[in-house]
Amino acid sequence: MSKSELNNITDDAAVALAAIAMHKAEWQDSLRDKVWQAIREGRSQRTVYQRFSDYALSLNSQDRMPNLIDLWAELQPPTFWRAMRAWWNMCDCSWDYGDAVLNLLRRHAATAPARKNRQGTNETAIYRGCSRSRILGVSWTTDIEVARGFARGHRHIPITDPVIASAVVSRDGIFMRINSRKEREVLVDPAGLSNVQAERAHPMIR
């Protein structure tokens, strides 16, 4: 095969990939429009959740939070919490949206699953593996080994100045417990934490 033929194949492949990307973007836009349509038309919460999930499933983990946060803000409490349980831990790179997420958690605090089900101790020891500058996030775990994994670079996400933070949270400071990925995750209000400490973690050796 000549060099010109190889170049033609490369050009054709580039055109095909561009067309696929454009088609995917149009498809995702249509799914997003369907979510908004269901919300604005007051469709059943089952329909709203299904359309939200269809759209979330079309996105990769890095793109979910920036594209879902405004939709989350429009969900009714039961659907909001259902969507949080299903999709929160499927979102990477969510730190920049932490304030918006916390505002939504506080808005729906009265119906938060952990506050409706008031079983357990009054205080819980929790841990968080993260950069030192990101200790006061909403996502923690009751399993220190999970926190160590995140501090080392969970799913190969690089961590700058990694630490393992520990804290105590009151029962009223917990919004939700999620264990769908066996991470013993708890979503908390950072304002309700006490005895917050951090120790340096060793980054993953690559």
C-alpha atoms as a PDB file:
ATOM      1  CA  MET A   1       0.000   0.000   0.000  1.00  0.00           C
ATOM      2  CA  SER A   2       1.380   3.357  -0.995  1.00  0.00           C
ATOM      3  CA  LYS A   3       1.891   6.281   1.340  1.00  0.00           C
ATOM      4  CA  SER A   4      -0.871   8.253  -0.377  1.00  0.00           C
ATOM      5  CA  GLU A   5      -3.302   5.369   0.114  1.00  0.00           C
ATOM      6  CA  LEU A   6      -2.418   5.211   3.813  1.00  0.00           C
ATOM      7  CA  ASN A   7      -2.967   8.956   4.100  1.00  0.00           C
ATOM      8  CA  ASN A   8      -6.369   8.600   2.448  1.00  0.00           C
ATOM      9  CA  ILE A   9      -7.338   5.871   4.900  1.00  0.00           C
ATOM     10  CA  THR A  10      -6.201   8.047   7.807  1.00  0.00           C
ATOM     11  CA  ASP A  11      -8.201  11.005   6.481  1.00  0.00           C
ATOM     12  CA  ASP A  12     -11.286   8.837   5.993  1.00  0.00           C
ATOM     13  CA  ALA A  13     -10.959   7.487   9.530  1.00  0.00           C
ATOM     14  CA  ALA A  14     -10.674  11.017  10.931  1.00  0.00           C
ATOM     15  CA  VAL A  15     -13.829  12.073   9.066  1.00  0.00           C
ATOM     16  CA  ALA A  16     -15.669   8.996  10.324  1.00  0.00           C
ATOM     17  CA  LEU A  17     -14.628   9.638  13.945  1.00  0.00           C
ATOM     18  CA  ALA A  18     -15.713  13.275  13.671  1.00  0.00           C
ATOM     19  CA  ALA A  19     -19.109  12.181  12.345  1.00  0.00           C
ATOM     20  CA  ILE A  20     -19.487   9.683  15.193  1.00  0.00           C
ATOM     21  CA  ALA A  21     -18.600  12.358  17.763  1.00  0.00           C
ATOM     22  CA  MET A  22     -21.114  14.771  16.228  1.00  0.00           C
ATOM     23  CA  HIS A  23     -23.821  12.119  16.205  1.00  0.00           C
ATOM     24  CA  LYS A  24     -23.085  11.263  19.843  1.00  0.00           C
ATOM     25  CA  ALA A  25     -23.282  14.921  20.875  1.00  0.00           C
ATOM     26  CA  GLU A  26     -26.617  15.328  19.099  1.00  0.00           C
ATOM     27  CA  TRP A  27     -27.907  12.155  20.746  1.00  0.00           C
ATOM     28  CA  GLN A  28     -26.826  13.379  24.185  1.00  0.00           C
ATOM     29  CA  ASP A  29     -28.464  16.758  23.573  1.00  0.00           C
ATOM     30  CA  SER A  30     -31.717  15.028  22.677  1.00  0.00           C
ATOM     31  CA  LEU A  31     -31.587  12.967  25.885  1.00  0.00           C
ATOM     32  CA  ARG A  32     -30.960  16.124  27.912  1.00  0.00           C
ATOM     33  CA  ASP A  33     -33.886  17.864  26.216  1.00  0.00           C
ATOM     34  CA  LYS A  34     -36.116  14.938  27.179  1.00  0.00           C
ATOM     35  CA  VAL A  35     -35.198  15.382  30.846  1.00  0.00           C
ATOM     36  CA  TRP A  36     -36.070  19.079  30.737  1.00  0.00           C
ATOM     37  CA  GLN A  37     -39.290  18.297  28.896  1.00  0.00           C
ATOM     38  CA  ALA A  38     -40.368  15.796  31.560  1.00  0.00           C
ATOM     39  CA  ILE A  39     -39.584  18.283  34.349  1.00  0.00           C
ATOM     40  CA  ARG A  40     -41.368  21.231  32.703  1.00  0.00           C
ATOM     41  CA  GLU A  41     -44.420  19.194  31.737  1.00  0.00           C
ATOM     42  CA  GLY A  42     -44.776  17.797  35.249  1.00  0.00           C
ATOM     43  CA  ARG A  43     -44.445  14.209  34.130  1.00  0.00           C
ATOM     44  CA  SER A  44     -44.389  11.448  36.728  1.00  0.00           C
ATOM     45  CA  GLN A  45     -41.328  11.233  38.950  1.00  0.00           C
ATOM     46  CA  ARG A  46     -40.715   7.771  37.561  1.00  0.00           C
ATOM     47  CA  THR A  47     -40.484   9.241  34.050  1.00  0.00           C
ATOM     48  CA  VAL A  48     -38.263  12.104  35.203  1.00  0.00           C
ATOM     49  CA  TYR A  49     -35.887   9.702  36.940  1.00  0.00           C
ATOM     50  CA  GLN A  50     -35.750   7.345  33.966  1.00  0.00           C
ATOM     51  CA  ARG A  51     -34.938  10.169  31.560  1.00  0.00           C
ATOM     52  CA  PHE A  52     -32.359  11.591  33.968  1.00  0.00           C
ATOM     53  CA  SER A  53     -30.722   8.161  34.184  1.00  0.00           C
ATOM     54  CA  ASP A  54     -30.782   7.661  30.410  1.00  0.00           C
ATOM     55  CA  TYR A  55     -28.943  10.949  29.995  1.00  0.00           C
ATOM     56  CA  ALA A  56     -26.492  10.235  32.835  1.00  0.00           C
ATOM     57  CA  LEU A  57     -25.676   6.867  31.307  1.00  0.00           C
ATOM     58  CA  SER A  58     -24.742   8.526  28.003  1.00  0.00           C
ATOM     59  CA  LEU A  59     -22.024  10.622  29.686  1.00  0.00           C
ATOM     60  CA  ASN A  60     -18.578   9.584  30.843  1.00  0.00           C
ATOM     61  CA  SER A  61     -17.663   9.955  34.506  1.00  0.00           C
ATOM     62  CA  GLN A  62     -15.739  13.211  34.012  1.00  0.00           C
ATOM     63  CA  ASP A  63     -18.587  14.864  32.116  1.00  0.00           C
ATOM     64  CA  ARG A  64     -21.459  13.811  34.347  1.00  0.00           C
ATOM     65  CA  MET A  65     -21.243  16.397  37.112  1.00  0.00           C
ATOM     66  CA  PRO A  66     -20.974  19.521  34.915  1.00  0.00           C
ATOM     67  CA  ASN A  67     -23.876  18.284  32.792  1.00  0.00           C
ATOM     68  CA  LEU A  68     -26.121  16.954  35.553  1.00  0.00           C
ATOM     69  CA  ILE A  69     -25.828  19.581  38.298  1.00  0.00           C
ATOM     70  CA  ASP A  70     -28.446  21.936  36.838  1.00  0.00           C
ATOM     71  CA  LEU A  71     -30.843  19.029  36.291  1.00  0.00           C
ATOM     72  CA  TRP A  72     -30.317  17.780  39.843  1.00  0.00           C
ATOM     73  CA  ALA A  73     -31.349  21.235  41.040  1.00  0.00           C
ATOM     74  CA  GLU A  74     -34.773  20.801  39.423  1.00  0.00           C
ATOM     75  CA  LEU A  75     -35.616  17.350  40.810  1.00  0.00           C
ATOM     76  CA  GLN A  76     -38.268  16.834  43.472  1.00  0.00           C
ATOM     77  CA  PRO A  77     -36.948  15.470  46.812  1.00  0.00           C
ATOM     78  CA  PRO A  78     -37.672  11.734  46.332  1.00  0.00           C
ATOM     79  CA  THR A  79     -36.261  11.770  42.798  1.00  0.00           C
ATOM     80  CA  PHE A  80     -33.325  13.931  43.854  1.00  0.00           C
ATOM     81  CA  TRP A  81     -32.251  11.396  46.482  1.00  0.00           C
ATOM     82  CA  ARG A  82     -32.889   8.452  44.183  1.00  0.00           C
ATOM     83  CA  ALA A  83     -30.678  10.064  41.530  1.00  0.00           C
ATOM     84  CA  MET A  84     -28.007  10.885  44.109  1.00  0.00           C
ATOM     85  CA  ARG A  85     -27.895   7.280  45.269  1.00  0.00           C
ATOM     86  CA  ALA A  86     -27.618   5.979  41.708  1.00  0.00           C
ATOM     87  CA  TRP A  87     -25.303   8.535  40.114  1.00  0.00           C
ATOM     88  CA  TRP A  88     -23.308  10.517  42.681  1.00  0.00           C
ATOM     89  CA  ASN A  89     -20.470   8.028  42.955  1.00  0.00           C
ATOM     90  CA  MET A  90     -20.436   7.637  39.175  1.00  0.00           C
ATOM     91  CA  CYS A  91     -19.220  11.239  38.857  1.00  0.00           C
ATOM     92  CA  ASP A  92     -15.507  12.021  38.832  1.00  0.00           C
ATOM     93  CA  CYS A  93     -13.936  15.485  39.033  1.00  0.00           C
ATOM     94  CA  SER A  94     -16.785  16.856  41.154  1.00  0.00           C
ATOM     95  CA  TRP A  95     -14.767  19.124  43.482  1.00  0.00           C
ATOM     96  CA  ASP A  96     -15.446  22.297  41.479  1.00  0.00           C
ATOM     97  CA  TYR A  97     -19.166  21.704  41.977  1.00  0.00           C
ATOM     98  CA  GLY A  98     -18.914  21.033  45.705  1.00  0.00           C
ATOM     99  CA  ASP A  99     -20.647  24.236  46.816  1.00  0.00           C
ATOM    100  CA  ALA A 100     -23.548  23.671  44.428  1.00  0.00           C
ATOM    101  CA  VAL A 101     -23.904  20.042  45.561  1.00  0.00           C
ATOM    102  CA  LEU A 102     -23.788  21.027  49.238  1.00  0.00           C
ATOM    103  CA  ASN A 103     -26.474  23.667  48.673  1.00  0.00           C
ATOM    104  CA  LEU A 104     -28.715  21.022  47.110  1.00  0.00           C
ATOM    105  CA  LEU A 105     -28.068  18.554  49.935  1.00  0.00           C
ATOM    106  CA  ARG A 106     -28.984  21.229  52.468  1.00  0.00           C
ATOM    107  CA  ARG A 107     -32.072  22.222  50.485  1.00  0.00           C
ATOM    108  CA  HIS A 108     -33.344  18.638  50.664  1.00  0.00           C
ATOM    109  CA  ALA A 109     -32.002  17.878  54.152  1.00  0.00           C
ATOM    110  CA  ALA A 110     -35.459  17.372  55.664  1.00  0.00           C
ATOM    111  CA  THR A 111     -36.021  14.368  53.396  1.00  0.00           C
ATOM    112  CA  ALA A 112     -32.451  13.047  53.460  1.00  0.00           C
ATOM    113  CA  PRO A 113     -32.472   9.232  53.739  1.00  0.00           C
ATOM    114  CA  ALA A 114     -30.031   9.109  56.663  1.00  0.00           C
ATOM    115  CA  ARG A 115     -32.129  11.610  58.595  1.00  0.00           C
ATOM    116  CA  LYS A 116     -35.369   9.765  57.954  1.00  0.00           C
ATOM    117  CA  ASN A 117     -33.802   6.499  59.097  1.00  0.00           C
ATOM    118  CA  ARG A 118     -32.287   7.500  62.409  1.00  0.00           C
ATOM    119  CA  GLN A 119     -30.708   4.183  63.310  1.00  0.00           C
ATOM    120  CA  GLY A 120     -27.113   3.927  64.438  1.00  0.00           C
ATOM    121  CA  THR A 121     -24.894   5.776  66.883  1.00  0.00           C
ATOM    122  CA  ASN A 122     -25.091   9.501  67.606  1.00  0.00           C
ATOM    123  CA  GLU A 123     -21.565  10.029  66.260  1.00  0.00           C
ATOM    124  CA  THR A 124     -19.652   8.269  63.494  1.00  0.00           C
ATOM    125  CA  ALA A 125     -15.924   8.218  62.735  1.00  0.00           C
ATOM    126  CA  ILE A 126     -15.341   8.984  59.045  1.00  0.00           C
ATOM    127  CA  TYR A 127     -12.345   9.260  56.725  1.00  0.00           C
ATOM    128  CA  ARG A 128     -11.475  10.962  53.475  1.00  0.00           C
ATOM    129  CA  GLY A 129      -8.540  10.451  51.106  1.00  0.00           C
ATOM    130  CA  CYS A 130      -7.852  13.608  49.133  1.00  0.00           C
ATOM    131  CA  SER A 131      -5.562  16.585  48.576  1.00  0.00           C
ATOM    132  CA  ARG A 132      -4.831  18.583  51.713  1.00  0.00           C
ATOM    133  CA  SER A 133      -6.692  21.563  50.253  1.00  0.00           C
ATOM    134  CA  ARG A 134      -9.831  19.476  49.690  1.00  0.00           C
ATOM    135  CA  ILE A 135     -10.479  18.008  53.122  1.00  0.00           C
ATOM    136  CA  LEU A 136     -13.825  19.685  53.708  1.00  0.00           C
ATOM    137  CA  GLY A 137     -15.756  17.898  50.982  1.00  0.00           C
ATOM    138  CA  VAL A 138     -19.149  16.199  51.215  1.00  0.00           C
ATOM    139  CA  SER A 139     -17.991  12.674  50.387  1.00  0.00           C
ATOM    140  CA  TRP A 140     -16.402  10.593  53.162  1.00  0.00           C
ATOM    141  CA  THR A 141     -16.232   6.910  54.107  1.00  0.00           C
ATOM    142  CA  THR A 142     -16.484   4.900  57.292  1.00  0.00           C
ATOM    143  CA  ASP A 143     -13.707   2.584  56.010  1.00  0.00           C
ATOM    144  CA  ILE A 144     -10.199   3.962  56.404  1.00  0.00           C
ATOM    145  CA  GLU A 145      -8.853   1.527  53.803  1.00  0.00           C
ATOM    146  CA  VAL A 146     -11.165   3.057  51.207  1.00  0.00           C
ATOM    147  CA  ALA A 147      -9.847   6.495  52.170  1.00  0.00           C
ATOM    148  CA  ARG A 148      -6.279   5.250  51.755  1.00  0.00           C
ATOM    149  CA  GLY A 149      -7.149   4.042  48.274  1.00  0.00           C
ATOM    150  CA  PHE A 150      -8.473   7.457  47.279  1.00  0.00           C
ATOM    151  CA  ALA A 151      -5.428   9.181  48.772  1.00  0.00           C
ATOM    152  CA  ARG A 152      -3.142   6.994  46.652  1.00  0.00           C
ATOM    153  CA  GLY A 153      -4.991   7.937  43.491  1.00  0.00           C
ATOM    154  CA  HIS A 154      -8.268   6.084  43.117  1.00  0.00           C
ATOM    155  CA  ARG A 155      -8.973   5.051  39.506  1.00  0.00           C
ATOM    156  CA  HIS A 156      -5.560   6.579  38.669  1.00  0.00           C
ATOM    157  CA  ILE A 157      -6.753  10.133  39.365  1.00  0.00           C
ATOM    158  CA  PRO A 158      -3.618  12.036  40.464  1.00  0.00           C
ATOM    159  CA  ILE A 159      -3.691  13.518  43.981  1.00  0.00           C
ATOM    160  CA  THR A 160      -1.599  16.561  44.905  1.00  0.00           C
ATOM    161  CA  ASP A 161      -0.307  16.654  48.496  1.00  0.00           C
ATOM    162  CA  PRO A 162      -2.384  13.592  49.477  1.00  0.00           C
ATOM    163  CA  VAL A 163      -3.704  13.160  53.002  1.00  0.00           C
ATOM    164  CA  ILE A 164      -5.970  10.823  54.906  1.00  0.00           C
ATOM    165  CA  ALA A 165      -8.386  12.995  56.847  1.00  0.00           C
ATOM    166  CA  SER A 166     -10.405  11.786  59.793  1.00  0.00           C
ATOM    167  CA  ALA A 167     -13.334  13.397  61.556  1.00  0.00           C
ATOM    168  CA  VAL A 168     -16.389  12.751  63.654  1.00  0.00           C
ATOM    169  CA  VAL A 169     -19.839  13.519  62.283  1.00  0.00           C
ATOM    170  CA  SER A 170     -23.066  13.621  64.224  1.00  0.00           C
ATOM    171  CA  ARG A 171     -26.043  11.578  63.076  1.00  0.00           C
ATOM    172  CA  ASP A 172     -27.753  14.790  61.944  1.00  0.00           C
ATOM    173  CA  GLY A 173     -24.709  15.707  59.868  1.00  0.00           C
ATOM    174  CA  ILE A 174     -25.141  12.736  57.526  1.00  0.00           C
ATOM    175  CA  PHE A 175     -27.374  13.102  54.474  1.00  0.00           C
ATOM    176  CA  MET A 176     -26.984   9.689  52.879  1.00  0.00           C
ATOM    177  CA  ARG A 177     -25.064   6.437  53.058  1.00  0.00           C
ATOM    178  CA  ILE A 178     -24.076   4.776  49.774  1.00  0.00           C
ATOM    179  CA  ASN A 179     -22.445   1.372  49.476  1.00  0.00           C
ATOM    180  CA  SER A 180     -23.199   0.396  45.873  1.00  0.00           C
ATOM    181  CA  ARG A 181     -19.461   0.271  45.105  1.00  0.00           C
ATOM    182  CA  LYS A 182     -18.503  -1.260  48.469  1.00  0.00           C
ATOM    183  CA  GLU A 183     -16.933   2.056  49.522  1.00  0.00           C
ATOM    184  CA  ARG A 184     -19.055   2.675  52.639  1.00  0.00           C
ATOM    185  CA  GLU A 185     -19.569   6.229  51.470  1.00  0.00           C
ATOM    186  CA  VAL A 186     -21.354   8.855  53.527  1.00  0.00           C
ATOM    187  CA  LEU A 187     -22.466  12.237  52.223  1.00  0.00           C
ATOM    188  CA  VAL A 188     -22.095  14.774  55.007  1.00  0.00           C
ATOM    189  CA  ASP A 189     -22.407  18.458  55.787  1.00  0.00           C
ATOM    190  CA  PRO A 190     -18.811  19.614  56.404  1.00  0.00           C
ATOM    191  CA  ALA A 191     -20.136  22.250  58.800  1.00  0.00           C
ATOM    192  CA  GLY A 192     -21.151  19.448  61.154  1.00  0.00           C
ATOM    193  CA  LEU A 193     -17.741  17.799  61.418  1.00  0.00           C
ATOM    194  CA  SER A 194     -15.663  17.805  64.572  1.00  0.00           C
ATOM    195  CA  ASN A 195     -12.156  16.684  65.510  1.00  0.00           C
ATOM    196  CA  VAL A 196     -10.952  17.038  61.911  1.00  0.00           C
ATOM    197  CA  GLN A 197      -7.383  15.810  61.493  1.00  0.00           C
ATOM    198  CA  ALA A 198      -5.158  14.903  58.563  1.00  0.00           C
ATOM    199  CA  GLU A 199      -2.049  12.827  58.118  1.00  0.00           C
ATOM    200  CA  ARG A 200       0.123  12.746  55.037  1.00  0.00           C
ATOM    201  CA  ALA A 201      -0.488   9.813  52.720  1.00  0.00           C
ATOM    202  CA  HIS A 202       2.059   8.208  50.464  1.00  0.00           C
ATOM    203  CA  PRO A 203       1.115   8.652  46.781  1.00  0.00           C
ATOM    204  CA  MET A 204       0.784   5.646  44.517  1.00  0.00           C
ATOM    205  CA  ILE A 205       4.081   4.427  43.068  1.00  0.00           C
ATOM    206  CA  ARG A 206       3.758   4.457  39.273  1.00  0.00           C
END
